[in-house]
């Protein structure tokens, strides 16, 4: 219950600044709110037009909820939301072409299926490390000793 009071406090703060409370929501830098809680609040704000989720611990799950629940959203700030994929943003934009997604920086993590593990294992074998003891830390320690 306290969580919803906190959300309504934020919404009420922006209402006092002249914005309608259910159209503007800023949850930036509020890491105490879980992704499930954020999704629950978004679900009850279908008229939302401006949403700031910067530095929140959200993922594609939240973006999917936004796509389902907020057809009028015009602005979305995702600065520091590193668990959100480009694919989910592309899908959101395809469902809502009027949305402006700001500060989204997709992080590319190299696939481990592209031979990176094979190269690491081969180098570890060359250095004499047991295969089951291969990690980047062990690999870096061994290289620094040589």
C-alpha atoms as a PDB file:
ATOM      1  CA  UNK A   1       0.000   0.000   0.000  1.00  0.00           C
ATOM      2  CA  UNK A   2       2.871   2.369   0.806  1.00  0.00           C
ATOM      3  CA  UNK A   3       4.266   1.784  -2.680  1.00  0.00           C
ATOM      4  CA  UNK A   4       1.078   3.017  -4.350  1.00  0.00           C
ATOM      5  CA  UNK A   5       1.020   6.039  -2.034  1.00  0.00           C
ATOM      6  CA  UNK A   6       4.548   6.864  -3.210  1.00  0.00           C
ATOM      7  CA  UNK A   7       3.491   6.590  -6.865  1.00  0.00           C
ATOM      8  CA  UNK A   8       0.447   8.756  -6.274  1.00  0.00           C
ATOM      9  CA  UNK A   9       2.662  11.260  -4.467  1.00  0.00           C
ATOM     10  CA  UNK A  10       4.819  11.561  -7.593  1.00  0.00           C
ATOM     11  CA  UNK A  11       1.765  11.830  -9.813  1.00  0.00           C
ATOM     12  CA  UNK A  12       0.235  14.442  -7.517  1.00  0.00           C
ATOM     13  CA  UNK A  13       3.449  16.466  -7.511  1.00  0.00           C
ATOM     14  CA  UNK A  14       3.251  16.844 -11.265  1.00  0.00           C
ATOM     15  CA  UNK A  15      -0.438  17.622 -11.115  1.00  0.00           C
ATOM     16  CA  UNK A  16       0.424  20.549  -8.851  1.00  0.00           C
ATOM     17  CA  UNK A  17       2.865  21.792 -11.513  1.00  0.00           C
ATOM     18  CA  UNK A  18       0.015  22.092 -13.991  1.00  0.00           C
ATOM     19  CA  UNK A  19       0.214  18.663 -15.601  1.00  0.00           C
ATOM     20  CA  UNK A  20      -2.661  16.238 -15.305  1.00  0.00           C
ATOM     21  CA  UNK A  21      -1.644  13.513 -12.892  1.00  0.00           C
ATOM     22  CA  UNK A  22      -2.569  10.529 -14.983  1.00  0.00           C
ATOM     23  CA  UNK A  23      -0.823  11.861 -18.069  1.00  0.00           C
ATOM     24  CA  UNK A  24       2.638  12.446 -16.599  1.00  0.00           C
ATOM     25  CA  UNK A  25       4.684  10.046 -14.485  1.00  0.00           C
ATOM     26  CA  UNK A  26       8.309  10.346 -13.423  1.00  0.00           C
ATOM     27  CA  UNK A  27       9.839   7.287 -11.777  1.00  0.00           C
ATOM     28  CA  UNK A  28      13.433   8.166 -12.623  1.00  0.00           C
ATOM     29  CA  UNK A  29      16.152   6.983 -10.243  1.00  0.00           C
ATOM     30  CA  UNK A  30      13.594   5.220  -8.034  1.00  0.00           C
ATOM     31  CA  UNK A  31      15.287   1.852  -7.668  1.00  0.00           C
ATOM     32  CA  UNK A  32      13.101   0.877  -4.705  1.00  0.00           C
ATOM     33  CA  UNK A  33      10.218   0.232  -7.107  1.00  0.00           C
ATOM     34  CA  UNK A  34      10.255  -3.262  -8.579  1.00  0.00           C
ATOM     35  CA  UNK A  35       9.493  -3.877 -12.227  1.00  0.00           C
ATOM     36  CA  UNK A  36       6.250  -5.617 -11.259  1.00  0.00           C
ATOM     37  CA  UNK A  37       5.152  -2.560  -9.269  1.00  0.00           C
ATOM     38  CA  UNK A  38       6.001  -0.233 -12.135  1.00  0.00           C
ATOM     39  CA  UNK A  39       4.007  -2.427 -14.544  1.00  0.00           C
ATOM     40  CA  UNK A  40       1.027  -2.448 -12.181  1.00  0.00           C
ATOM     41  CA  UNK A  41       0.970   1.339 -12.012  1.00  0.00           C
ATOM     42  CA  UNK A  42       1.404   1.689 -15.790  1.00  0.00           C
ATOM     43  CA  UNK A  43      -1.536  -0.682 -16.294  1.00  0.00           C
ATOM     44  CA  UNK A  44      -3.798   1.749 -14.404  1.00  0.00           C
ATOM     45  CA  UNK A  45      -2.671   4.829 -16.373  1.00  0.00           C
ATOM     46  CA  UNK A  46      -4.049   4.353 -19.904  1.00  0.00           C
ATOM     47  CA  UNK A  47      -4.058   8.135 -20.538  1.00  0.00           C
ATOM     48  CA  UNK A  48      -0.334   8.414 -19.786  1.00  0.00           C
ATOM     49  CA  UNK A  49       1.441  10.693 -22.264  1.00  0.00           C
ATOM     50  CA  UNK A  50       4.815  11.356 -20.624  1.00  0.00           C
ATOM     51  CA  UNK A  51       6.780   8.643 -18.793  1.00  0.00           C
ATOM     52  CA  UNK A  52      10.280   8.989 -17.363  1.00  0.00           C
ATOM     53  CA  UNK A  53      11.780   5.645 -16.346  1.00  0.00           C
ATOM     54  CA  UNK A  54      15.421   6.723 -16.457  1.00  0.00           C
ATOM     55  CA  UNK A  55      17.768   4.618 -14.330  1.00  0.00           C
ATOM     56  CA  UNK A  56      14.960   2.230 -13.362  1.00  0.00           C
ATOM     57  CA  UNK A  57      15.504  -1.504 -13.113  1.00  0.00           C
ATOM     58  CA  UNK A  58      13.177  -2.340 -16.002  1.00  0.00           C
ATOM     59  CA  UNK A  59      13.393  -4.772 -18.898  1.00  0.00           C
ATOM     60  CA  UNK A  60      11.410  -5.709 -21.993  1.00  0.00           C
ATOM     61  CA  UNK A  61       8.566  -6.763 -19.679  1.00  0.00           C
ATOM     62  CA  UNK A  62       7.875  -3.115 -18.804  1.00  0.00           C
ATOM     63  CA  UNK A  63       8.124  -2.038 -22.446  1.00  0.00           C
ATOM     64  CA  UNK A  64       5.543  -4.711 -23.364  1.00  0.00           C
ATOM     65  CA  UNK A  65       3.234  -3.404 -20.633  1.00  0.00           C
ATOM     66  CA  UNK A  66       3.636   0.144 -21.933  1.00  0.00           C
ATOM     67  CA  UNK A  67       2.750  -1.057 -25.445  1.00  0.00           C
ATOM     68  CA  UNK A  68      -0.410  -2.769 -24.127  1.00  0.00           C
ATOM     69  CA  UNK A  69      -1.566  -0.172 -21.636  1.00  0.00           C
ATOM     70  CA  UNK A  70      -0.478   3.271 -22.865  1.00  0.00           C
ATOM     71  CA  UNK A  71      -1.702   3.897 -26.420  1.00  0.00           C
ATOM     72  CA  UNK A  72      -1.485   7.693 -25.937  1.00  0.00           C
ATOM     73  CA  UNK A  73       2.135   7.782 -24.754  1.00  0.00           C
ATOM     74  CA  UNK A  74       4.092  10.463 -26.592  1.00  0.00           C
ATOM     75  CA  UNK A  75       7.358  10.598 -24.622  1.00  0.00           C
ATOM     76  CA  UNK A  76       9.413   7.864 -22.948  1.00  0.00           C
ATOM     77  CA  UNK A  77      12.786   8.480 -21.285  1.00  0.00           C
ATOM     78  CA  UNK A  78      14.915   5.343 -20.933  1.00  0.00           C
ATOM     79  CA  UNK A  79      18.301   6.783 -19.936  1.00  0.00           C
ATOM     80  CA  UNK A  80      20.234   4.162 -17.981  1.00  0.00           C
ATOM     81  CA  UNK A  81      17.738   1.344 -18.631  1.00  0.00           C
ATOM     82  CA  UNK A  82      20.260  -1.193 -19.851  1.00  0.00           C
ATOM     83  CA  UNK A  83      18.072  -4.305 -19.712  1.00  0.00           C
ATOM     84  CA  UNK A  84      15.793  -3.091 -22.505  1.00  0.00           C
ATOM     85  CA  UNK A  85      16.376  -4.566 -25.958  1.00  0.00           C
ATOM     86  CA  UNK A  86      16.239  -2.749 -29.273  1.00  0.00           C
ATOM     87  CA  UNK A  87      13.664  -5.299 -30.458  1.00  0.00           C
ATOM     88  CA  UNK A  88      11.183  -4.362 -27.729  1.00  0.00           C
ATOM     89  CA  UNK A  89      11.616  -0.653 -28.507  1.00  0.00           C
ATOM     90  CA  UNK A  90      11.129  -1.338 -32.222  1.00  0.00           C
ATOM     91  CA  UNK A  91       7.911  -3.208 -31.426  1.00  0.00           C
ATOM     92  CA  UNK A  92       6.686  -0.370 -29.179  1.00  0.00           C
ATOM     93  CA  UNK A  93       7.350   2.200 -31.910  1.00  0.00           C
ATOM     94  CA  UNK A  94       5.611   0.037 -34.517  1.00  0.00           C
ATOM     95  CA  UNK A  95       2.504  -0.101 -32.296  1.00  0.00           C
ATOM     96  CA  UNK A  96       2.706   3.599 -31.412  1.00  0.00           C
ATOM     97  CA  UNK A  97       4.461   5.553 -34.196  1.00  0.00           C
ATOM     98  CA  UNK A  98       3.836   8.909 -32.424  1.00  0.00           C
ATOM     99  CA  UNK A  99       6.016   8.029 -29.448  1.00  0.00           C
ATOM    100  CA  UNK A 100       9.373   9.719 -28.894  1.00  0.00           C
ATOM    101  CA  UNK A 101      11.787   7.388 -27.088  1.00  0.00           C
ATOM    102  CA  UNK A 102      14.620   9.404 -25.613  1.00  0.00           C
ATOM    103  CA  UNK A 103      18.046   8.351 -24.357  1.00  0.00           C
ATOM    104  CA  UNK A 104      17.696   4.704 -25.357  1.00  0.00           C
ATOM    105  CA  UNK A 105      21.122   3.191 -25.872  1.00  0.00           C
ATOM    106  CA  UNK A 106      21.002  -0.456 -26.857  1.00  0.00           C
ATOM    107  CA  UNK A 107      23.881  -2.414 -25.393  1.00  0.00           C
ATOM    108  CA  UNK A 108      25.272  -5.101 -27.619  1.00  0.00           C
ATOM    109  CA  UNK A 109      26.468  -8.169 -25.817  1.00  0.00           C
ATOM    110  CA  UNK A 110      28.448 -10.444 -28.067  1.00  0.00           C
ATOM    111  CA  UNK A 111      26.895 -13.822 -28.509  1.00  0.00           C
ATOM    112  CA  UNK A 112      28.785 -16.645 -26.865  1.00  0.00           C
ATOM    113  CA  UNK A 113      27.862 -18.803 -29.840  1.00  0.00           C
ATOM    114  CA  UNK A 114      30.135 -16.882 -32.189  1.00  0.00           C
ATOM    115  CA  UNK A 115      33.322 -18.694 -31.186  1.00  0.00           C
ATOM    116  CA  UNK A 116      34.345 -16.439 -28.281  1.00  0.00           C
ATOM    117  CA  UNK A 117      34.178 -19.314 -25.791  1.00  0.00           C
ATOM    118  CA  UNK A 118      36.149 -21.552 -28.129  1.00  0.00           C
ATOM    119  CA  UNK A 119      38.914 -18.941 -28.351  1.00  0.00           C
ATOM    120  CA  UNK A 120      38.971 -18.476 -24.555  1.00  0.00           C
ATOM    121  CA  UNK A 121      39.096 -22.250 -24.003  1.00  0.00           C
ATOM    122  CA  UNK A 122      41.878 -22.640 -26.553  1.00  0.00           C
ATOM    123  CA  UNK A 123      43.939 -19.895 -24.911  1.00  0.00           C
ATOM    124  CA  UNK A 124      43.271 -21.387 -21.476  1.00  0.00           C
ATOM    125  CA  UNK A 125      44.430 -24.786 -22.720  1.00  0.00           C
ATOM    126  CA  UNK A 126      47.555 -23.155 -24.117  1.00  0.00           C
ATOM    127  CA  UNK A 127      48.185 -21.523 -20.724  1.00  0.00           C
ATOM    128  CA  UNK A 128      47.644 -24.840 -18.960  1.00  0.00           C
ATOM    129  CA  UNK A 129      44.437 -23.895 -17.142  1.00  0.00           C
ATOM    130  CA  UNK A 130      41.972 -26.742 -16.564  1.00  0.00           C
ATOM    131  CA  UNK A 131      38.911 -26.379 -18.798  1.00  0.00           C
ATOM    132  CA  UNK A 132      36.456 -26.390 -15.872  1.00  0.00           C
ATOM    133  CA  UNK A 133      38.377 -23.528 -14.216  1.00  0.00           C
ATOM    134  CA  UNK A 134      38.123 -21.126 -17.152  1.00  0.00           C
ATOM    135  CA  UNK A 135      36.757 -17.685 -16.379  1.00  0.00           C
ATOM    136  CA  UNK A 136      37.767 -14.209 -17.448  1.00  0.00           C
ATOM    137  CA  UNK A 137      39.156 -13.533 -13.953  1.00  0.00           C
ATOM    138  CA  UNK A 138      41.333 -16.658 -13.995  1.00  0.00           C
ATOM    139  CA  UNK A 139      42.369 -15.948 -17.557  1.00  0.00           C
ATOM    140  CA  UNK A 140      43.353 -12.336 -16.728  1.00  0.00           C
ATOM    141  CA  UNK A 141      45.233 -13.431 -13.585  1.00  0.00           C
ATOM    142  CA  UNK A 142      47.191 -15.996 -15.553  1.00  0.00           C
ATOM    143  CA  UNK A 143      48.062 -13.471 -18.267  1.00  0.00           C
ATOM    144  CA  UNK A 144      49.200 -10.899 -15.684  1.00  0.00           C
ATOM    145  CA  UNK A 145      51.565 -13.485 -14.116  1.00  0.00           C
ATOM    146  CA  UNK A 146      53.328 -14.112 -17.432  1.00  0.00           C
END
